[in-house]
């Protein structure tokens, strides 16, 4: 795992997404490698920080903090996989190219801002507002759909709305399944 290459890609997708999406499209990387290289490391960092900060800085017990850490680890992994599959399955509905690998790339790299924001927000409950940076992922989706899924301009808005709703619902369901009782009961 080349950490500098990962950091360069993260920086490029955030600051130069118009130039980075075509590069990402042509890059040969498996769905498994996308998850293991980009999603898992960020999710692990956020989970460990969240677990430690909740356990050390609050009255919550070890078990509650651990459940919170597990939720922070599992949610992004499941959300990326489910959203990628659903977006790929919807491709033909929006006159787009059906390609699971490109759908994975689209979701993973659009999810990077949310993953980074999750790390910062994990430092303390008072930093939860930083999660709003994750909304930048919607802009990345907007730029990425025509490149990654070959979505025509007249279908892009509806495809993106459908994708955002899907990602929101997936996160909502996963959150409900893995929910944590904040009072520790």
Protein backbone atom coordinates (compact mmCIF):
# COMPACT_ATOMS: atom_id res chain seq x y z
CA UNK A 1 0.00 0.00 0.00
CA UNK A 2 1.61 3.23 -1.20
CA UNK A 3 0.43 5.83 1.32
CA UNK A 4 1.75 8.75 -0.72
CA UNK A 5 -0.19 7.55 -3.78
CA UNK A 6 -3.36 7.30 -1.67
CA UNK A 7 -2.84 10.79 -0.24
CA UNK A 8 -2.17 12.19 -3.72
CA UNK A 9 -5.38 10.62 -5.04
CA UNK A 10 -7.41 11.95 -2.09
CA UNK A 11 -5.97 15.42 -2.59
CA UNK A 12 -6.62 15.28 -6.35
CA UNK A 13 -10.23 14.10 -6.06
CA UNK A 14 -10.99 16.84 -3.55
CA UNK A 15 -9.17 19.75 -5.19
CA UNK A 16 -9.14 18.77 -8.90
CA UNK A 17 -12.04 16.38 -9.44
CA UNK A 18 -12.64 17.38 -13.08
CA UNK A 19 -9.12 16.25 -13.98
CA UNK A 20 -9.08 13.25 -11.64
CA UNK A 21 -12.26 11.42 -12.73
CA UNK A 22 -10.91 10.53 -16.21
CA UNK A 23 -7.70 9.24 -14.59
CA UNK A 24 -9.71 7.15 -12.12
CA UNK A 25 -11.84 5.69 -14.92
CA UNK A 26 -8.82 4.31 -16.75
CA UNK A 27 -7.02 3.07 -13.66
CA UNK A 28 -7.13 -0.73 -13.27
CA UNK A 29 -8.15 -1.35 -9.65
CA UNK A 30 -10.48 -4.02 -8.33
CA UNK A 31 -13.50 -3.34 -6.16
CA UNK A 32 -11.83 -5.21 -3.34
CA UNK A 33 -8.72 -3.04 -3.63
CA UNK A 34 -10.85 0.11 -3.67
CA UNK A 35 -12.45 -0.89 -0.39
CA UNK A 36 -9.22 -2.12 1.20
CA UNK A 37 -7.13 0.84 0.04
CA UNK A 38 -9.46 3.80 0.40
CA UNK A 39 -12.50 2.97 2.54
CA UNK A 40 -11.15 0.58 5.17
CA UNK A 41 -8.12 2.62 6.34
CA UNK A 42 -10.19 5.79 6.80
CA UNK A 43 -12.99 3.84 8.50
CA UNK A 44 -10.53 2.14 10.86
CA UNK A 45 -8.93 5.45 11.82
CA UNK A 46 -12.33 7.02 12.52
CA UNK A 47 -13.50 3.96 14.45
CA UNK A 48 -10.42 3.82 16.68
CA UNK A 49 -10.46 7.56 17.35
CA UNK A 50 -14.21 7.52 17.98
CA UNK A 51 -13.97 4.53 20.32
CA UNK A 52 -11.10 6.01 22.29
CA UNK A 53 -12.52 9.52 22.53
CA UNK A 54 -15.94 8.24 23.60
CA UNK A 55 -14.50 5.82 26.13
CA UNK A 56 -11.92 8.19 27.63
CA UNK A 57 -13.74 11.51 27.59
CA UNK A 58 -17.27 10.53 28.63
CA UNK A 59 -19.08 8.52 31.24
CA UNK A 60 -20.01 5.86 28.69
CA UNK A 61 -18.60 2.45 29.40
CA UNK A 62 -16.17 0.41 27.36
CA UNK A 63 -18.97 -1.64 25.76
CA UNK A 64 -20.95 1.36 24.52
CA UNK A 65 -17.79 2.98 23.17
CA UNK A 66 -16.80 -0.26 21.45
CA UNK A 67 -20.24 -0.58 19.80
CA UNK A 68 -19.89 3.00 18.58
CA UNK A 69 -16.44 2.22 17.14
CA UNK A 70 -17.74 -0.91 15.41
CA UNK A 71 -20.61 1.10 13.93
CA UNK A 72 -18.13 3.67 12.59
CA UNK A 73 -16.11 0.88 11.03
CA UNK A 74 -18.93 -1.15 9.52
CA UNK A 75 -21.23 1.61 8.23
CA UNK A 76 -18.95 3.00 5.52
CA UNK A 77 -18.00 -0.47 4.29
CA UNK A 78 -21.57 -1.66 3.90
CA UNK A 79 -22.77 1.69 2.56
CA UNK A 80 -20.14 1.76 -0.18
CA UNK A 81 -20.83 -1.79 -1.32
CA UNK A 82 -24.62 -1.50 -1.29
CA UNK A 83 -24.66 1.95 -2.90
CA UNK A 84 -22.27 0.81 -5.64
CA UNK A 85 -24.37 -2.23 -6.49
CA UNK A 86 -27.62 -0.24 -6.52
CA UNK A 87 -26.14 2.59 -8.60
CA UNK A 88 -24.84 0.03 -11.08
CA UNK A 89 -28.23 -1.67 -11.27
CA UNK A 90 -29.94 1.68 -11.91
CA UNK A 91 -27.54 2.58 -14.73
CA UNK A 92 -29.71 1.41 -17.61
CA UNK A 93 -32.72 3.25 -16.16
CA UNK A 94 -30.78 6.48 -16.65
CA UNK A 95 -29.31 5.54 -20.06
CA UNK A 96 -25.92 5.03 -18.47
CA UNK A 97 -23.22 2.41 -18.85
CA UNK A 98 -23.64 -0.52 -16.49
CA UNK A 99 -20.20 -1.23 -15.02
CA UNK A 100 -19.86 -2.37 -11.41
CA UNK A 101 -16.18 -1.44 -11.16
CA UNK A 102 -16.87 2.11 -12.33
CA UNK A 103 -19.84 2.33 -9.94
CA UNK A 104 -17.51 1.29 -7.10
CA UNK A 105 -14.95 3.89 -8.15
CA UNK A 106 -17.67 6.55 -8.32
CA UNK A 107 -19.02 5.76 -4.86
CA UNK A 108 -15.67 5.22 -3.15
CA UNK A 109 -14.10 8.44 -4.37
CA UNK A 110 -17.28 10.45 -3.81
CA UNK A 111 -17.35 9.08 -0.26
CA UNK A 112 -13.81 10.31 0.54
CA UNK A 113 -14.94 13.71 1.93
CA UNK A 114 -17.40 11.98 4.26
CA UNK A 115 -14.72 9.54 5.42
CA UNK A 116 -12.28 12.37 6.13
CA UNK A 117 -14.95 14.40 7.92
CA UNK A 118 -15.82 11.33 9.98
CA UNK A 119 -12.22 11.10 11.21
CA UNK A 120 -12.24 14.73 12.35
CA UNK A 121 -15.74 14.46 13.84
CA UNK A 122 -14.62 11.38 15.77
CA UNK A 123 -12.19 13.45 17.81
CA UNK A 124 -15.00 14.95 19.89
CA UNK A 125 -18.79 15.16 19.91
CA UNK A 126 -18.50 18.93 19.48
CA UNK A 127 -16.91 18.45 16.07
CA UNK A 128 -19.95 16.72 14.61
CA UNK A 129 -20.62 19.74 12.39
CA UNK A 130 -17.49 18.83 10.39
CA UNK A 131 -19.54 15.98 8.93
CA UNK A 132 -21.17 18.58 6.68
CA UNK A 133 -17.98 18.47 4.61
CA UNK A 134 -19.20 15.05 3.51
CA UNK A 135 -21.82 16.84 1.40
CA UNK A 136 -19.01 17.76 -0.97
CA UNK A 137 -19.37 14.15 -2.09
CA UNK A 138 -22.60 15.11 -3.85
CA UNK A 139 -20.59 17.52 -6.00
CA UNK A 140 -18.07 14.77 -6.70
CA UNK A 141 -20.96 12.52 -7.77
CA UNK A 142 -22.21 15.29 -10.06
CA UNK A 143 -18.84 15.50 -11.77
CA UNK A 144 -18.23 11.75 -11.72
CA UNK A 145 -21.44 10.36 -13.21
CA UNK A 146 -20.79 11.48 -16.82
CA UNK A 147 -17.23 10.15 -16.70
CA UNK A 148 -17.64 6.95 -14.71
CA UNK A 149 -21.13 5.82 -15.75
CA UNK A 150 -21.36 7.67 -19.11
CA UNK A 151 -24.56 9.33 -17.92
CA UNK A 152 -26.11 11.69 -20.47
CA UNK A 153 -26.49 15.30 -19.36
CA UNK A 154 -30.31 15.19 -19.45
CA UNK A 155 -30.39 12.19 -17.05
CA UNK A 156 -27.57 13.19 -14.69
CA UNK A 157 -29.62 15.23 -12.20
CA UNK A 158 -32.20 12.49 -11.67
CA UNK A 159 -29.54 9.77 -11.43
CA UNK A 160 -27.65 11.80 -8.82
CA UNK A 161 -30.81 12.47 -6.83
CA UNK A 162 -31.59 8.75 -6.92
CA UNK A 163 -28.02 7.92 -5.88
CA UNK A 164 -28.02 10.40 -2.99
CA UNK A 165 -31.38 9.13 -1.77
CA UNK A 166 -30.09 5.55 -1.99
CA UNK A 167 -26.91 6.38 -0.10
CA UNK A 168 -28.93 8.23 2.55
CA UNK A 169 -31.39 5.34 2.95
CA UNK A 170 -28.59 2.76 3.07
CA UNK A 171 -26.84 4.76 5.81
CA UNK A 172 -30.12 5.23 7.66
CA UNK A 173 -30.90 1.50 7.60
CA UNK A 174 -27.36 0.49 8.59
CA UNK A 175 -27.43 3.08 11.36
CA UNK A 176 -30.73 1.72 12.63
CA UNK A 177 -29.46 -1.85 12.55
CA UNK A 178 -26.23 -0.95 14.33
CA UNK A 179 -27.78 1.78 16.46
CA UNK A 180 -26.31 2.64 19.76
CA UNK A 181 -28.28 3.75 22.79
CA UNK A 182 -26.45 6.94 23.70
CA UNK A 183 -27.45 6.60 27.34
CA UNK A 184 -25.73 3.23 27.58
CA UNK A 185 -28.77 1.26 28.78
